[in-house]
Each structure stands twice: as C-alpha cells, then as structure tokens.
Amino acid sequence: MYNNNECELLKNSKRIAVVGLSRNPFKTSRMIADYLIRNGYEIAGVNPNLNDDFDIPVFKSLTDIPFDIDIVNIFRRSEDIPELIPDILEIKPRGVWLQLGIRNDDAVAPLIKNGITVIQDECIKIVHSMCFGG
C-alpha cells in the first residue's frame, strides 16, 4: 500500500503532469485530474490529440510544458512507458507515478538510476486520500 515516501512526494509537490488526460469527465484520468485540482495541485495535461480549448492546460508532450513539473502521473499502458522515458529524463521531475495496473520495471530503471522517485501500480488519488484525507 502507501508509504511515507509517497506522502512526502505528494506533500512537497505542486505541479503534476497527467499523461493520457482525457476530455471525457467519466474517464479515470480526468476524474483524478479534477480531484488533484480540487486538492490544490496545478495540473498540466499531456495528450497530443487534445487541443487548447480544454479547461485544463494541455500539451502535446512533456517537453512542451513551459514550467517545471514535480510529478508525472501516467495513464498509459505498461508497454507504452519506454517511449516516455527520454522526455521524463529531460524534464527531471521529482517523481513518476504509474497508475493502478501500470508497471514496467525495465523501463523505469533509468529514472530510478537518475534519482527520480518511481511509484508503480498505485492510484495517486487513493494514496493522496489515505495520506491527507480528501
């Protein structure tokens, strides 16, 4: 389940990039982004298929985000994680959070080697609510 490192990461973070953000308010990525906004986080969506007429700032890639990101929260399939690693290493977030059901130990190894906290197969919303209520 969750641990103090996860709570500390959330406590010390302000900006979260949601990779795979959906416009659909009933999709998990959107519901969790909305939850994070309600709990004081600044959200940047990453989805090359969304345009800028969205109510959350959305960018084509992580490297297009014009400000620092503390956590990259990923809603992509496990096999898609390797293609995200170069951009993650370039923007150097404090942490990378792979949602429930998403795990790729080989792909995230370079992130860990570079001092980035990696959390896999856990829901950021559930952990946040367990750490802080919500």
Protein backbone atom coordinates (compact mmCIF):
# COMPACT_ATOMS: atom_id res chain seq x y z
CA MET A 1 0.00 0.00 0.00
CA TYR A 2 1.20 3.56 0.50
CA ASN A 3 4.24 4.63 2.49
CA ASN A 4 5.76 7.81 3.90
CA ASN A 5 7.82 8.40 0.75
CA GLU A 6 4.64 8.63 -1.30
CA CYS A 7 3.03 11.00 1.21
CA GLU A 8 6.16 13.17 1.27
CA LEU A 9 6.29 13.28 -2.53
CA LEU A 10 2.68 14.46 -2.65
CA LYS A 11 3.18 16.91 0.23
CA ASN A 12 6.21 18.52 -1.40
CA SER A 13 4.76 18.74 -4.91
CA LYS A 14 2.65 21.41 -6.54
CA ARG A 15 2.57 20.72 -10.29
CA ILE A 16 1.51 17.40 -11.77
CA ALA A 17 1.55 16.41 -15.44
CA VAL A 18 -1.20 13.93 -16.30
CA VAL A 19 -0.04 11.89 -19.29
CA GLY A 20 -3.01 10.45 -21.15
CA LEU A 21 -5.50 13.05 -19.88
CA SER A 22 -8.97 12.60 -21.38
CA ARG A 23 -11.56 15.25 -22.18
CA ASN A 24 -14.25 12.77 -21.06
CA PRO A 25 -15.23 13.63 -17.46
CA PHE A 26 -16.07 9.97 -16.80
CA LYS A 27 -12.60 8.64 -17.70
CA THR A 28 -10.30 7.87 -14.79
CA SER A 29 -7.54 10.23 -15.94
CA ARG A 30 -9.97 13.16 -15.99
CA MET A 31 -11.62 12.28 -12.66
CA ILE A 32 -8.24 12.06 -10.95
CA ALA A 33 -7.02 15.31 -12.56
CA ASP A 34 -10.16 17.04 -11.26
CA TYR A 35 -9.58 15.56 -7.79
CA LEU A 36 -5.99 16.80 -7.77
CA ILE A 37 -7.11 20.30 -8.82
CA ARG A 38 -9.69 20.35 -6.01
CA ASN A 39 -6.87 19.45 -3.63
CA GLY A 40 -4.65 22.36 -4.62
CA TYR A 41 -2.40 20.93 -7.34
CA GLU A 42 -1.70 22.64 -10.65
CA ILE A 43 -2.36 20.20 -13.49
CA ALA A 44 -0.87 20.10 -16.98
CA GLY A 45 -2.41 17.55 -19.30
CA VAL A 46 -0.34 15.69 -21.87
CA ASN A 47 -2.26 14.36 -24.83
CA PRO A 48 -1.27 15.00 -28.46
CA ASN A 49 -4.90 14.51 -29.52
CA LEU A 50 -6.40 17.32 -27.41
CA ASN A 51 -6.31 20.98 -28.38
CA ASP A 52 -6.11 24.10 -26.28
CA ASP A 53 -9.86 24.75 -25.99
CA PHE A 54 -9.85 22.43 -22.98
CA ASP A 55 -10.43 23.66 -19.40
CA ILE A 56 -7.08 22.24 -18.24
CA PRO A 57 -3.85 23.34 -19.98
CA VAL A 58 -2.92 20.53 -22.37
CA PHE A 59 0.38 19.99 -24.16
CA LYS A 60 1.46 17.65 -26.93
CA SER A 61 4.37 16.24 -24.90
CA LEU A 62 6.05 16.57 -21.51
CA THR A 63 8.82 18.67 -23.02
CA ASP A 64 6.27 21.17 -24.36
CA ILE A 65 5.18 22.13 -20.83
CA PRO A 66 6.68 25.60 -20.19
CA PHE A 67 7.09 25.21 -16.42
CA ASP A 68 8.66 22.72 -14.01
CA ILE A 69 6.72 19.57 -13.16
CA ASP A 70 7.03 17.84 -9.79
CA ILE A 71 5.21 14.59 -10.59
CA VAL A 72 4.45 12.89 -13.89
CA ASN A 73 1.26 10.86 -13.41
CA ILE A 74 0.90 8.31 -16.22
CA PHE A 75 -2.31 6.86 -17.64
CA ARG A 76 -0.81 4.82 -20.48
CA ARG A 77 -0.37 1.08 -20.98
CA SER A 78 2.68 -0.56 -19.43
CA GLU A 79 4.14 -1.29 -22.87
CA ASP A 80 3.94 2.43 -23.76
CA ILE A 81 6.13 3.55 -20.85
CA PRO A 82 9.51 3.19 -22.64
CA GLU A 83 8.62 5.88 -25.18
CA LEU A 84 8.03 8.38 -22.34
CA ILE A 85 11.37 7.85 -20.60
CA PRO A 86 13.53 10.26 -22.69
CA ASP A 87 11.10 13.15 -22.10
CA ILE A 88 10.84 12.33 -18.39
CA LEU A 89 14.62 12.33 -18.06
CA GLU A 90 14.74 15.67 -19.87
CA ILE A 91 12.24 17.45 -17.61
CA LYS A 92 13.61 15.86 -14.40
CA PRO A 93 10.51 15.65 -12.18
CA ARG A 94 10.79 14.62 -8.53
CA GLY A 95 8.58 11.63 -9.13
CA VAL A 96 6.83 9.47 -11.70
CA TRP A 97 3.55 7.83 -10.76
CA LEU A 98 2.21 4.91 -12.79
CA GLN A 99 -1.48 4.36 -12.07
CA LEU A 100 -3.13 1.10 -10.99
CA GLY A 101 -2.34 -1.74 -13.36
CA ILE A 102 0.64 0.05 -14.92
CA ARG A 103 4.09 -1.37 -14.23
CA ASN A 104 7.27 -1.63 -16.28
CA ASP A 105 10.36 -2.26 -14.14
CA ASP A 106 12.79 -2.30 -17.06
CA ALA A 107 11.52 0.98 -18.50
CA VAL A 108 11.66 2.90 -15.21
CA ALA A 109 15.14 1.67 -14.22
CA PRO A 110 16.88 4.72 -15.81
CA LEU A 111 14.57 7.03 -13.87
CA ILE A 112 15.49 5.40 -10.57
CA LYS A 113 19.17 5.49 -11.56
CA ASN A 114 18.80 9.25 -12.09
CA GLY A 115 17.28 9.82 -8.64
CA ILE A 116 13.64 10.14 -9.70
CA THR A 117 11.17 8.54 -7.30
CA VAL A 118 9.06 5.96 -9.13
CA ILE A 119 5.73 4.64 -7.89
CA GLN A 120 4.11 1.87 -9.92
CA ASP A 121 0.70 0.21 -9.93
CA GLU A 122 -0.86 2.61 -7.41
CA CYS A 123 -3.61 5.21 -7.70
CA ILE A 124 -2.43 8.71 -6.83
CA LYS A 125 -5.95 9.67 -5.69
CA ILE A 126 -6.25 6.74 -3.29
CA VAL A 127 -2.80 7.36 -1.84
CA HIS A 128 -3.47 11.10 -1.52
CA SER A 129 -6.74 10.48 0.31
CA MET A 130 -5.05 7.99 2.66
CA CYS A 131 -2.21 10.41 3.39
CA PHE A 132 -4.24 13.60 3.77
CA GLY A 133 -7.94 12.74 3.72
CA GLY A 134 -9.78 14.09 0.80
